[in-house]
Amino acid sequence: MLQAYRFALDPTARQARALSSHCGAARTAFNEGLARVRRCLDQRAAERSYGVPEDQLTEVPWTLPALRRWWNQAKDQLATWWPENSKEAYNSGLDALARGLRQYSGSRAGTRRGPRVGFPRFKSRRRARVSCRFTTGAIRAEDRTHVIVVEDLNVTGMSRRKPGAGRGGRGLNRAIADAAPAGLRRQLAYKTAWYGSRLVLAGRWYPSSKTCSACGAVKAKLALAERTWTCDGCGARHDRDVNAAINLARLSEHAPSVKGRPAGSGPVAGRGASRKTSPPPGAAAGGDEASTPHDGTPAAGQTGTAPPQGEAA
């Protein structure tokens, strides 16, 4: 499968000047190459009028290799500032000229489909499209400042309607099913591999909501209905979801990166977490967090990291 990426650049003033210089270099190479082609064509026409044999006529640099050879010989006279830019900038302009000449020849010969194509024209600094192509080497735009920690939630247990839950329980079940958290994790796994980022999977028994993000103390029990709670150790008051998000973000700082292994394959355990695949001894089937195992994937109980490329900051 082929992938294409389009990135919006936000260059500094210095970088913007460098990009503009490369685009100008491509335009210069195109125009100088076109001028050379025109001079050679005029010279050939004059030579024919004098009866010069076809095999002795002046050679016209019509193809990209021929244009490159000519440019390398003439660049010191035509563009004394050429070392300031990448060779790819000049090659970009020459390649555009070679493609224009090829399309013109094919259009005249009737071998090119579509509307007729005229002879290439010089590019104006004001009207021409400001562009430059880089066709060799590895070019990557990376963002290693995040891309991601997820929890291994027990979706089946969360969506099972509890006795006495009423209509609210039915609505929660439908909302969980619509969210499709397993599909979300699957997409995050392969997309983080695409972009060279890292996906960290918090274990099913990692107490993200019950751990105080201020002092690290773990609350013994925290019912699902308790949306805010106060730490018995330091007295800090927490919003359940915000506190869990802080703890999960910190988990990524200590999660190992296993190169070449699929996302979620390696063990990652935070403070108070267990790597067991079954509930810890004494866990009841009530509504507190310890009894509501986290799930979301077929590999229940596995915790791990993402990996194929890169590391998260």
C-alpha atoms as a PDB file:
ATOM      1  CA  MET A   1       0.000   0.000   0.000  1.00  0.00           C
ATOM      2  CA  LEU A   2       1.357   3.418  -0.973  1.00  0.00           C
ATOM      3  CA  GLN A   3       1.050   6.304   1.461  1.00  0.00           C
ATOM      4  CA  ALA A   4       1.350  10.008   0.784  1.00  0.00           C
ATOM      5  CA  TYR A   5       1.822  12.666   3.441  1.00  0.00           C
ATOM      6  CA  ARG A   6       1.204  16.385   3.261  1.00  0.00           C
ATOM      7  CA  PHE A   7       2.745  18.534   5.971  1.00  0.00           C
ATOM      8  CA  ALA A   8       2.068  22.203   6.676  1.00  0.00           C
ATOM      9  CA  LEU A   9       5.404  23.873   7.438  1.00  0.00           C
ATOM     10  CA  ASP A  10       5.822  26.697   9.913  1.00  0.00           C
ATOM     11  CA  PRO A  11       9.351  27.956   9.142  1.00  0.00           C
ATOM     12  CA  THR A  12      11.234  30.679  10.951  1.00  0.00           C
ATOM     13  CA  ALA A  13      12.198  33.818   9.043  1.00  0.00           C
ATOM     14  CA  ARG A  14      15.626  32.353   8.320  1.00  0.00           C
ATOM     15  CA  GLN A  15      14.182  29.054   7.156  1.00  0.00           C
ATOM     16  CA  ALA A  16      11.652  30.870   4.966  1.00  0.00           C
ATOM     17  CA  ARG A  17      14.498  32.718   3.237  1.00  0.00           C
ATOM     18  CA  ALA A  18      16.317  29.430   2.655  1.00  0.00           C
ATOM     19  CA  LEU A  19      13.184  27.843   1.160  1.00  0.00           C
ATOM     20  CA  SER A  20      12.650  30.868  -1.070  1.00  0.00           C
ATOM     21  CA  SER A  21      16.272  30.671  -2.219  1.00  0.00           C
ATOM     22  CA  HIS A  22      15.867  26.991  -3.185  1.00  0.00           C
ATOM     23  CA  CYS A  23      12.702  27.747  -5.144  1.00  0.00           C
ATOM     24  CA  GLY A  24      14.483  30.596  -6.894  1.00  0.00           C
ATOM     25  CA  ALA A  25      17.363  28.260  -7.730  1.00  0.00           C
ATOM     26  CA  ALA A  26      14.949  25.803  -9.339  1.00  0.00           C
ATOM     27  CA  ARG A  27      13.439  28.609 -11.423  1.00  0.00           C
ATOM     28  CA  THR A  28      16.907  29.801 -12.477  1.00  0.00           C
ATOM     29  CA  ALA A  29      17.969  26.324 -13.598  1.00  0.00           C
ATOM     30  CA  PHE A  30      14.728  25.946 -15.563  1.00  0.00           C
ATOM     31  CA  ASN A  31      15.088  29.293 -17.344  1.00  0.00           C
ATOM     32  CA  GLU A  32      18.803  28.913 -18.068  1.00  0.00           C
ATOM     33  CA  GLY A  33      18.232  25.398 -19.386  1.00  0.00           C
ATOM     34  CA  LEU A  34      15.371  26.584 -21.594  1.00  0.00           C
ATOM     35  CA  ALA A  35      17.531  29.406 -22.954  1.00  0.00           C
ATOM     36  CA  ARG A  36      20.238  26.861 -23.796  1.00  0.00           C
ATOM     37  CA  VAL A  37      17.734  24.638 -25.613  1.00  0.00           C
ATOM     38  CA  ARG A  38      16.425  27.578 -27.652  1.00  0.00           C
ATOM     39  CA  ARG A  39      19.930  28.663 -28.639  1.00  0.00           C
ATOM     40  CA  CYS A  40      20.794  25.122 -29.737  1.00  0.00           C
ATOM     41  CA  LEU A  41      17.590  24.856 -31.780  1.00  0.00           C
ATOM     42  CA  ASP A  42      18.321  28.173 -33.494  1.00  0.00           C
ATOM     43  CA  GLN A  43      21.882  27.043 -34.171  1.00  0.00           C
ATOM     44  CA  ARG A  44      20.646  23.778 -35.707  1.00  0.00           C
ATOM     45  CA  ALA A  45      18.240  25.684 -37.935  1.00  0.00           C
ATOM     46  CA  ALA A  46      21.068  27.907 -39.167  1.00  0.00           C
ATOM     47  CA  GLU A  47      23.332  24.903 -39.749  1.00  0.00           C
ATOM     48  CA  ARG A  48      20.648  23.180 -41.801  1.00  0.00           C
ATOM     49  CA  SER A  49      20.347  26.282 -43.986  1.00  0.00           C
ATOM     50  CA  TYR A  50      24.078  25.997 -44.677  1.00  0.00           C
ATOM     51  CA  GLY A  51      23.727  22.344 -45.664  1.00  0.00           C
ATOM     52  CA  VAL A  52      25.374  20.816 -42.614  1.00  0.00           C
ATOM     53  CA  PRO A  53      24.642  17.035 -42.429  1.00  0.00           C
ATOM     54  CA  GLU A  54      22.137  15.927 -39.752  1.00  0.00           C
ATOM     55  CA  ASP A  55      24.704  13.855 -37.859  1.00  0.00           C
ATOM     56  CA  GLN A  56      26.918  16.943 -37.505  1.00  0.00           C
ATOM     57  CA  LEU A  57      24.298  19.357 -36.224  1.00  0.00           C
ATOM     58  CA  THR A  58      24.622  20.949 -32.775  1.00  0.00           C
ATOM     59  CA  GLU A  59      23.341  18.645 -30.039  1.00  0.00           C
ATOM     60  CA  VAL A  60      20.328  19.897 -28.103  1.00  0.00           C
ATOM     61  CA  PRO A  61      20.215  19.005 -24.342  1.00  0.00           C
ATOM     62  CA  TRP A  62      16.654  17.645 -24.527  1.00  0.00           C
ATOM     63  CA  THR A  63      16.682  14.996 -21.789  1.00  0.00           C
ATOM     64  CA  LEU A  64      17.337  15.315 -18.055  1.00  0.00           C
ATOM     65  CA  PRO A  65      20.766  13.567 -18.173  1.00  0.00           C
ATOM     66  CA  ALA A  66      21.846  15.885 -21.010  1.00  0.00           C
ATOM     67  CA  LEU A  67      20.592  18.946 -19.139  1.00  0.00           C
ATOM     68  CA  ARG A  68      22.442  17.849 -16.017  1.00  0.00           C
ATOM     69  CA  ARG A  69      25.715  17.442 -17.902  1.00  0.00           C
ATOM     70  CA  TRP A  70      25.327  20.892 -19.431  1.00  0.00           C
ATOM     71  CA  TRP A  71      24.401  22.497 -16.087  1.00  0.00           C
ATOM     72  CA  ASN A  72      27.410  21.027 -14.266  1.00  0.00           C
ATOM     73  CA  GLN A  73      29.692  22.547 -16.916  1.00  0.00           C
ATOM     74  CA  ALA A  74      28.005  25.957 -17.023  1.00  0.00           C
ATOM     75  CA  LYS A  75      26.824  26.589 -13.447  1.00  0.00           C
ATOM     76  CA  ASP A  76      29.977  28.443 -12.373  1.00  0.00           C
ATOM     77  CA  GLN A  77      29.324  31.073 -15.044  1.00  0.00           C
ATOM     78  CA  LEU A  78      25.515  31.130 -14.928  1.00  0.00           C
ATOM     79  CA  ALA A  79      24.972  31.009 -11.158  1.00  0.00           C
ATOM     80  CA  THR A  80      28.089  31.780  -9.143  1.00  0.00           C
ATOM     81  CA  TRP A  81      26.014  31.461  -5.954  1.00  0.00           C
ATOM     82  CA  TRP A  82      24.949  27.872  -6.681  1.00  0.00           C
ATOM     83  CA  PRO A  83      26.775  26.341  -3.619  1.00  0.00           C
ATOM     84  CA  GLU A  84      24.322  28.168  -1.334  1.00  0.00           C
ATOM     85  CA  ASN A  85      21.524  25.738  -2.221  1.00  0.00           C
ATOM     86  CA  SER A  86      21.083  21.998  -2.439  1.00  0.00           C
ATOM     87  CA  LYS A  87      21.793  20.335  -5.759  1.00  0.00           C
ATOM     88  CA  GLU A  88      18.219  19.040  -5.575  1.00  0.00           C
ATOM     89  CA  ALA A  89      16.940  22.578  -6.174  1.00  0.00           C
ATOM     90  CA  TYR A  90      18.691  22.857  -9.542  1.00  0.00           C
ATOM     91  CA  ASN A  91      17.818  19.295 -10.458  1.00  0.00           C
ATOM     92  CA  SER A  92      14.179  20.123  -9.694  1.00  0.00           C
ATOM     93  CA  GLY A  93      14.159  22.924 -12.266  1.00  0.00           C
ATOM     94  CA  LEU A  94      15.964  20.861 -14.892  1.00  0.00           C
ATOM     95  CA  ASP A  95      13.601  17.924 -14.337  1.00  0.00           C
ATOM     96  CA  ALA A  96      10.573  20.169 -14.839  1.00  0.00           C
ATOM     97  CA  LEU A  97      12.099  21.423 -18.101  1.00  0.00           C
ATOM     98  CA  ALA A  98      12.866  17.907 -19.328  1.00  0.00           C
ATOM     99  CA  ARG A  99       9.296  16.781 -18.615  1.00  0.00           C
ATOM    100  CA  GLY A 100       7.923  19.825 -20.450  1.00  0.00           C
ATOM    101  CA  LEU A 101      10.088  19.103 -23.497  1.00  0.00           C
ATOM    102  CA  ARG A 102       9.058  15.445 -23.464  1.00  0.00           C
ATOM    103  CA  GLN A 103       5.375  16.324 -23.313  1.00  0.00           C
ATOM    104  CA  TYR A 104       5.807  18.818 -26.150  1.00  0.00           C
ATOM    105  CA  SER A 105       7.509  16.191 -28.332  1.00  0.00           C
ATOM    106  CA  GLY A 106       4.842  13.608 -27.557  1.00  0.00           C
ATOM    107  CA  SER A 107       2.070  16.071 -28.289  1.00  0.00           C
ATOM    108  CA  ARG A 108       3.556  16.950 -31.694  1.00  0.00           C
ATOM    109  CA  ALA A 109       4.111  13.288 -32.556  1.00  0.00           C
ATOM    110  CA  GLY A 110       0.595  12.326 -31.479  1.00  0.00           C
ATOM    111  CA  THR A 111       1.829   9.835 -28.888  1.00  0.00           C
ATOM    112  CA  ARG A 112       0.618  11.873 -25.914  1.00  0.00           C
ATOM    113  CA  ARG A 113      -2.992  11.727 -24.821  1.00  0.00           C
ATOM    114  CA  GLY A 114      -4.956  14.773 -23.882  1.00  0.00           C
ATOM    115  CA  PRO A 115      -4.898  18.363 -25.193  1.00  0.00           C
ATOM    116  CA  ARG A 116      -1.977  19.656 -27.222  1.00  0.00           C
ATOM    117  CA  VAL A 117       0.986  20.932 -25.262  1.00  0.00           C
ATOM    118  CA  GLY A 118       3.001  23.933 -26.398  1.00  0.00           C
ATOM    119  CA  PHE A 119       6.718  24.552 -26.145  1.00  0.00           C
ATOM    120  CA  PRO A 120       7.909  25.360 -22.586  1.00  0.00           C
ATOM    121  CA  ARG A 121       7.954  29.036 -21.647  1.00  0.00           C
ATOM    122  CA  PHE A 122      10.209  30.933 -19.278  1.00  0.00           C
ATOM    123  CA  LYS A 123       9.065  31.104 -15.678  1.00  0.00           C
ATOM    124  CA  SER A 124       8.317  34.557 -14.326  1.00  0.00           C
ATOM    125  CA  ARG A 125       9.324  35.418 -10.782  1.00  0.00           C
ATOM    126  CA  ARG A 126       5.893  36.949 -10.162  1.00  0.00           C
ATOM    127  CA  ARG A 127       3.553  34.604 -12.006  1.00  0.00           C
ATOM    128  CA  ALA A 128       5.262  31.215 -11.781  1.00  0.00           C
ATOM    129  CA  ARG A 129       4.402  28.811  -9.000  1.00  0.00           C
ATOM    130  CA  VAL A 130       7.003  28.967  -6.220  1.00  0.00           C
ATOM    131  CA  SER A 131       8.017  25.346  -5.775  1.00  0.00           C
ATOM    132  CA  CYS A 132      10.950  22.994  -5.470  1.00  0.00           C
ATOM    133  CA  ARG A 133      11.134  19.194  -5.357  1.00  0.00           C
ATOM    134  CA  PHE A 134      13.492  16.919  -3.425  1.00  0.00           C
ATOM    135  CA  THR A 135      13.632  13.443  -4.925  1.00  0.00           C
ATOM    136  CA  THR A 136      16.610  11.767  -3.225  1.00  0.00           C
ATOM    137  CA  GLY A 137      17.539  11.114   0.378  1.00  0.00           C
ATOM    138  CA  ALA A 138      15.297  10.557   3.371  1.00  0.00           C
ATOM    139  CA  ILE A 139      12.991  13.414   4.342  1.00  0.00           C
ATOM    140  CA  ARG A 140      11.023  13.042   7.565  1.00  0.00           C
ATOM    141  CA  ALA A 141       8.869  15.388   9.561  1.00  0.00           C
ATOM    142  CA  GLU A 142       8.618  14.097  13.096  1.00  0.00           C
ATOM    143  CA  ASP A 143       6.791  15.091  16.230  1.00  0.00           C
ATOM    144  CA  ARG A 144       8.117  13.222  19.247  1.00  0.00           C
ATOM    145  CA  THR A 145       6.488  15.443  21.846  1.00  0.00           C
ATOM    146  CA  HIS A 146       3.588  13.108  22.724  1.00  0.00           C
ATOM    147  CA  VAL A 147       1.114  10.488  20.172  1.00  0.00           C
ATOM    148  CA  ILE A 148      -0.165   8.091  23.572  1.00  0.00           C
ATOM    149  CA  VAL A 149      -1.280   6.059  26.669  1.00  0.00           C
ATOM    150  CA  VAL A 150      -4.432   3.932  26.682  1.00  0.00           C
ATOM    151  CA  GLU A 151      -6.007   1.658  29.282  1.00  0.00           C
ATOM    152  CA  ASP A 152      -6.863  -2.007  28.896  1.00  0.00           C
ATOM    153  CA  LEU A 153     -10.549  -1.664  29.836  1.00  0.00           C
ATOM    154  CA  ASN A 154     -12.971  -4.503  30.469  1.00  0.00           C
ATOM    155  CA  VAL A 155     -15.583  -3.341  28.006  1.00  0.00           C
ATOM    156  CA  THR A 156     -17.698  -6.438  28.499  1.00  0.00           C
ATOM    157  CA  GLY A 157     -17.913  -5.866  32.240  1.00  0.00           C
ATOM    158  CA  MET A 158     -18.566  -2.148  31.836  1.00  0.00           C
ATOM    159  CA  SER A 159     -21.386  -2.670  29.345  1.00  0.00           C
ATOM    160  CA  ARG A 160     -23.113  -5.416  31.357  1.00  0.00           C
ATOM    161  CA  ARG A 161     -26.260  -3.935  32.855  1.00  0.00           C
ATOM    162  CA  LYS A 162     -26.201  -4.150  36.652  1.00  0.00           C
ATOM    163  CA  PRO A 163     -29.339  -5.010  38.638  1.00  0.00           C
ATOM    164  CA  GLY A 164     -31.260  -1.889  39.571  1.00  0.00           C
ATOM    165  CA  ALA A 165     -29.321   0.266  37.097  1.00  0.00           C
ATOM    166  CA  GLY A 166     -32.560   1.430  35.441  1.00  0.00           C
ATOM    167  CA  ARG A 167     -32.628   3.252  32.134  1.00  0.00           C
ATOM    168  CA  GLY A 168     -29.343   4.999  32.891  1.00  0.00           C
ATOM    169  CA  GLY A 169     -27.519   1.684  32.753  1.00  0.00           C
ATOM    170  CA  ARG A 170     -29.007   0.894  29.373  1.00  0.00           C
ATOM    171  CA  GLY A 171     -27.854   4.280  28.026  1.00  0.00           C
ATOM    172  CA  LEU A 172     -24.324   3.681  29.330  1.00  0.00           C
ATOM    173  CA  ASN A 173     -24.204   0.290  27.624  1.00  0.00           C
ATOM    174  CA  ARG A 174     -25.181   1.827  24.300  1.00  0.00           C
ATOM    175  CA  ALA A 175     -22.631   4.649  24.670  1.00  0.00           C
ATOM    176  CA  ILE A 176     -19.817   2.195  25.378  1.00  0.00           C
ATOM    177  CA  ALA A 177     -20.775   0.038  22.415  1.00  0.00           C
ATOM    178  CA  ASP A 178     -20.915   3.080  20.116  1.00  0.00           C
ATOM    179  CA  ALA A 179     -17.446   4.212  21.221  1.00  0.00           C
ATOM    180  CA  ALA A 180     -15.865   0.904  20.079  1.00  0.00           C
ATOM    181  CA  PRO A 181     -12.735   1.277  22.259  1.00  0.00           C
ATOM    182  CA  ALA A 182     -11.181  -1.926  20.866  1.00  0.00           C
ATOM    183  CA  GLY A 183     -11.282  -0.485  17.352  1.00  0.00           C
ATOM    184  CA  LEU A 184      -9.785   2.760  18.632  1.00  0.00           C
ATOM    185  CA  ARG A 185      -6.844   0.953  20.183  1.00  0.00           C
ATOM    186  CA  ARG A 186      -6.293  -1.081  17.001  1.00  0.00           C
ATOM    187  CA  GLN A 187      -6.086   2.094  14.938  1.00  0.00           C
ATOM    188  CA  LEU A 188      -3.760   3.767  17.417  1.00  0.00           C
ATOM    189  CA  ALA A 189      -1.466   0.730  17.321  1.00  0.00           C
ATOM    190  CA  TYR A 190      -0.785   0.813  13.592  1.00  0.00           C
ATOM    191  CA  LYS A 191      -0.870   4.589  13.219  1.00  0.00           C
ATOM    192  CA  THR A 192       1.734   5.139  15.932  1.00  0.00           C
ATOM    193  CA  ALA A 193       3.926   2.668  14.035  1.00  0.00           C
ATOM    194  CA  TRP A 194       3.396   4.705  10.851  1.00  0.00           C
ATOM    195  CA  TYR A 195       4.456   7.975  12.432  1.00  0.00           C
ATOM    196  CA  GLY A 196       7.344   6.660  14.513  1.00  0.00           C
ATOM    197  CA  SER A 197       5.534   7.330  17.784  1.00  0.00           C
ATOM    198  CA  ARG A 198       4.897   5.113  20.800  1.00  0.00           C
ATOM    199  CA  LEU A 199       1.731   3.594  22.227  1.00  0.00           C
ATOM    200  CA  VAL A 200       1.759   2.617  25.895  1.00  0.00           C
ATOM    201  CA  LEU A 201      -0.899   0.265  27.243  1.00  0.00           C
ATOM    202  CA  ALA A 202      -1.733   0.586  30.941  1.00  0.00           C
ATOM    203  CA  GLY A 203      -2.505  -2.763  32.536  1.00  0.00           C
ATOM    204  CA  ARG A 204      -6.036  -3.823  33.372  1.00  0.00           C
ATOM    205  CA  TRP A 205      -5.363  -3.556  37.095  1.00  0.00           C
ATOM    206  CA  TYR A 206      -3.438  -0.282  37.004  1.00  0.00           C
ATOM    207  CA  PRO A 207      -5.280   1.993  39.504  1.00  0.00           C
ATOM    208  CA  SER A 208      -5.231   5.149  37.415  1.00  0.00           C
ATOM    209  CA  SER A 209      -8.277   6.692  39.106  1.00  0.00           C
ATOM    210  CA  LYS A 210      -7.507   5.541  42.653  1.00  0.00           C
ATOM    211  CA  THR A 211      -3.867   6.703  42.746  1.00  0.00           C
ATOM    212  CA  CYS A 212      -3.345  10.199  44.141  1.00  0.00           C
ATOM    213  CA  SER A 213      -1.456  12.170  41.519  1.00  0.00           C
ATOM    214  CA  ALA A 214      -0.098  14.447  44.262  1.00  0.00           C
ATOM    215  CA  CYS A 215       1.448  11.980  46.726  1.00  0.00           C
ATOM    216  CA  GLY A 216       1.069   8.569  45.078  1.00  0.00           C
ATOM    217  CA  ALA A 217      -1.120   7.004  47.744  1.00  0.00           C
ATOM    218  CA  VAL A 218      -3.634   4.432  46.468  1.00  0.00           C
ATOM    219  CA  LYS A 219      -7.214   4.632  47.747  1.00  0.00           C
ATOM    220  CA  ALA A 220      -8.510   1.268  48.915  1.00  0.00           C
ATOM    221  CA  LYS A 221     -11.927   1.535  47.274  1.00  0.00           C
ATOM    222  CA  LEU A 222     -13.419   4.007  44.858  1.00  0.00           C
ATOM    223  CA  ALA A 223     -16.954   3.416  43.641  1.00  0.00           C
ATOM    224  CA  LEU A 224     -17.686   4.154  40.004  1.00  0.00           C
ATOM    225  CA  ALA A 225     -20.309   6.694  41.069  1.00  0.00           C
ATOM    226  CA  GLU A 226     -17.700   8.773  42.966  1.00  0.00           C
ATOM    227  CA  ARG A 227     -16.584  11.362  40.427  1.00  0.00           C
ATOM    228  CA  THR A 228     -14.507  13.357  42.938  1.00  0.00           C
ATOM    229  CA  TRP A 229     -12.580  12.118  45.940  1.00  0.00           C
ATOM    230  CA  THR A 230     -10.171  13.318  48.615  1.00  0.00           C
ATOM    231  CA  CYS A 231      -6.832  11.606  49.282  1.00  0.00           C
ATOM    232  CA  ASP A 232      -6.542  10.217  52.809  1.00  0.00           C
ATOM    233  CA  GLY A 233      -2.778  10.718  52.723  1.00  0.00           C
ATOM    234  CA  CYS A 234      -2.262  14.332  51.683  1.00  0.00           C
ATOM    235  CA  GLY A 235      -5.802  15.694  51.568  1.00  0.00           C
ATOM    236  CA  ALA A 236      -5.650  16.611  47.889  1.00  0.00           C
ATOM    237  CA  ARG A 237      -9.043  16.687  46.182  1.00  0.00           C
ATOM    238  CA  HIS A 238      -9.257  15.105  42.741  1.00  0.00           C
ATOM    239  CA  ASP A 239     -11.588  14.959  39.804  1.00  0.00           C
ATOM    240  CA  ARG A 240     -11.649  11.270  38.994  1.00  0.00           C
ATOM    241  CA  ASP A 241     -11.014  11.610  35.247  1.00  0.00           C
ATOM    242  CA  VAL A 242      -8.439  14.385  35.470  1.00  0.00           C
ATOM    243  CA  ASN A 243      -6.502  12.491  38.130  1.00  0.00           C
ATOM    244  CA  ALA A 244      -6.499   9.342  35.976  1.00  0.00           C
ATOM    245  CA  ALA A 245      -5.253  11.298  32.962  1.00  0.00           C
ATOM    246  CA  ILE A 246      -2.332  12.718  34.969  1.00  0.00           C
ATOM    247  CA  ASN A 247      -1.325   9.275  36.207  1.00  0.00           C
ATOM    248  CA  LEU A 248      -1.516   7.779  32.729  1.00  0.00           C
ATOM    249  CA  ALA A 249       0.621  10.589  31.317  1.00  0.00           C
ATOM    250  CA  ARG A 250       3.266   9.916  33.954  1.00  0.00           C
ATOM    251  CA  LEU A 251       3.156   6.216  33.175  1.00  0.00           C
ATOM    252  CA  SER A 252       4.502   6.911  29.699  1.00  0.00           C
ATOM    253  CA  GLU A 253       7.660   8.424  31.186  1.00  0.00           C
ATOM    254  CA  HIS A 254       8.638   5.102  32.766  1.00  0.00           C
ATOM    255  CA  ALA A 255       7.287   2.679  30.157  1.00  0.00           C
ATOM    256  CA  PRO A 256      10.036   0.800  28.291  1.00  0.00           C
ATOM    257  CA  SER A 257      10.350   0.951  24.526  1.00  0.00           C
ATOM    258  CA  VAL A 258      10.774  -2.448  22.880  1.00  0.00           C
ATOM    259  CA  LYS A 259      12.046  -1.988  19.342  1.00  0.00           C
ATOM    260  CA  GLY A 260      10.538  -4.176  16.662  1.00  0.00           C
ATOM    261  CA  ARG A 261       7.649  -5.520  18.766  1.00  0.00           C
ATOM    262  CA  PRO A 262       3.982  -4.770  18.152  1.00  0.00           C
ATOM    263  CA  ALA A 263       2.152  -2.220  20.242  1.00  0.00           C
ATOM    264  CA  GLY A 264       0.928  -3.511  23.552  1.00  0.00           C
ATOM    265  CA  SER A 265       3.238  -6.535  23.576  1.00  0.00           C
ATOM    266  CA  GLY A 266       5.613  -5.734  26.410  1.00  0.00           C
ATOM    267  CA  PRO A 267       4.860  -5.572  30.150  1.00  0.00           C
ATOM    268  CA  VAL A 268       4.269  -2.152  31.627  1.00  0.00           C
ATOM    269  CA  ALA A 269       3.206  -1.877  35.245  1.00  0.00           C
ATOM    270  CA  GLY A 270       2.752   1.311  37.228  1.00  0.00           C
ATOM    271  CA  ARG A 271       2.659   1.833  40.960  1.00  0.00           C
ATOM    272  CA  GLY A 272       0.029  -0.407  42.505  1.00  0.00           C
ATOM    273  CA  ALA A 273      -0.459  -2.320  39.256  1.00  0.00           C
ATOM    274  CA  SER A 274      -0.539  -6.077  38.925  1.00  0.00           C
ATOM    275  CA  ARG A 275       0.496  -8.170  35.913  1.00  0.00           C
ATOM    276  CA  LYS A 276      -1.975 -10.907  36.791  1.00  0.00           C
ATOM    277  CA  THR A 277      -4.611 -11.878  34.267  1.00  0.00           C
ATOM    278  CA  SER A 278      -7.273 -12.474  36.912  1.00  0.00           C
ATOM    279  CA  PRO A 279      -8.662 -10.150  39.586  1.00  0.00           C
ATOM    280  CA  PRO A 280      -6.527  -9.804  42.710  1.00  0.00           C
ATOM    281  CA  PRO A 281      -7.589 -11.885  45.726  1.00  0.00           C
ATOM    282  CA  GLY A 282     -10.637 -10.569  47.493  1.00  0.00           C
ATOM    283  CA  ALA A 283     -11.953  -8.561  44.546  1.00  0.00           C
ATOM    284  CA  ALA A 284     -15.733  -8.465  44.552  1.00  0.00           C
ATOM    285  CA  ALA A 285     -18.165  -7.987  41.706  1.00  0.00           C
ATOM    286  CA  GLY A 286     -19.335  -4.639  42.992  1.00  0.00           C
ATOM    287  CA  GLY A 287     -19.054  -1.220  41.460  1.00  0.00           C
ATOM    288  CA  ASP A 288     -15.641  -0.020  42.739  1.00  0.00           C
ATOM    289  CA  GLU A 289     -12.688   0.331  40.400  1.00  0.00           C
ATOM    290  CA  ALA A 290     -10.754  -2.629  41.741  1.00  0.00           C
ATOM    291  CA  SER A 291     -13.594  -4.936  40.790  1.00  0.00           C
ATOM    292  CA  THR A 292     -14.104  -3.442  37.348  1.00  0.00           C
ATOM    293  CA  PRO A 293     -11.238  -4.819  35.267  1.00  0.00           C
ATOM    294  CA  HIS A 294     -10.100  -2.765  32.317  1.00  0.00           C
ATOM    295  CA  ASP A 295     -10.258  -4.344  28.928  1.00  0.00           C
ATOM    296  CA  GLY A 296     -10.562  -3.421  25.300  1.00  0.00           C
ATOM    297  CA  THR A 297      -8.555  -6.025  23.437  1.00  0.00           C
ATOM    298  CA  PRO A 298      -8.484  -9.799  22.984  1.00  0.00           C
ATOM    299  CA  ALA A 299      -5.191  -9.976  24.897  1.00  0.00           C
ATOM    300  CA  ALA A 300      -6.745  -9.522  28.307  1.00  0.00           C
ATOM    301  CA  GLY A 301      -4.310  -8.624  31.044  1.00  0.00           C
ATOM    302  CA  GLN A 302      -1.390  -7.899  28.754  1.00  0.00           C
ATOM    303  CA  THR A 303       0.250  -4.587  29.303  1.00  0.00           C
ATOM    304  CA  GLY A 304       2.840  -3.094  27.103  1.00  0.00           C
ATOM    305  CA  THR A 305       4.321  -0.493  24.878  1.00  0.00           C
ATOM    306  CA  ALA A 306       4.297   0.566  21.381  1.00  0.00           C
ATOM    307  CA  PRO A 307       7.305   0.530  19.611  1.00  0.00           C
ATOM    308  CA  PRO A 308       8.229  -0.105  16.134  1.00  0.00           C
ATOM    309  CA  GLN A 309       9.870   3.274  15.679  1.00  0.00           C
ATOM    310  CA  GLY A 310      10.843   6.200  17.815  1.00  0.00           C
ATOM    311  CA  GLU A 311      10.391   7.091  21.446  1.00  0.00           C
ATOM    312  CA  ALA A 312       7.988   9.371  23.225  1.00  0.00           C
ATOM    313  CA  ALA A 313       9.375  12.333  25.049  1.00  0.00           C
END
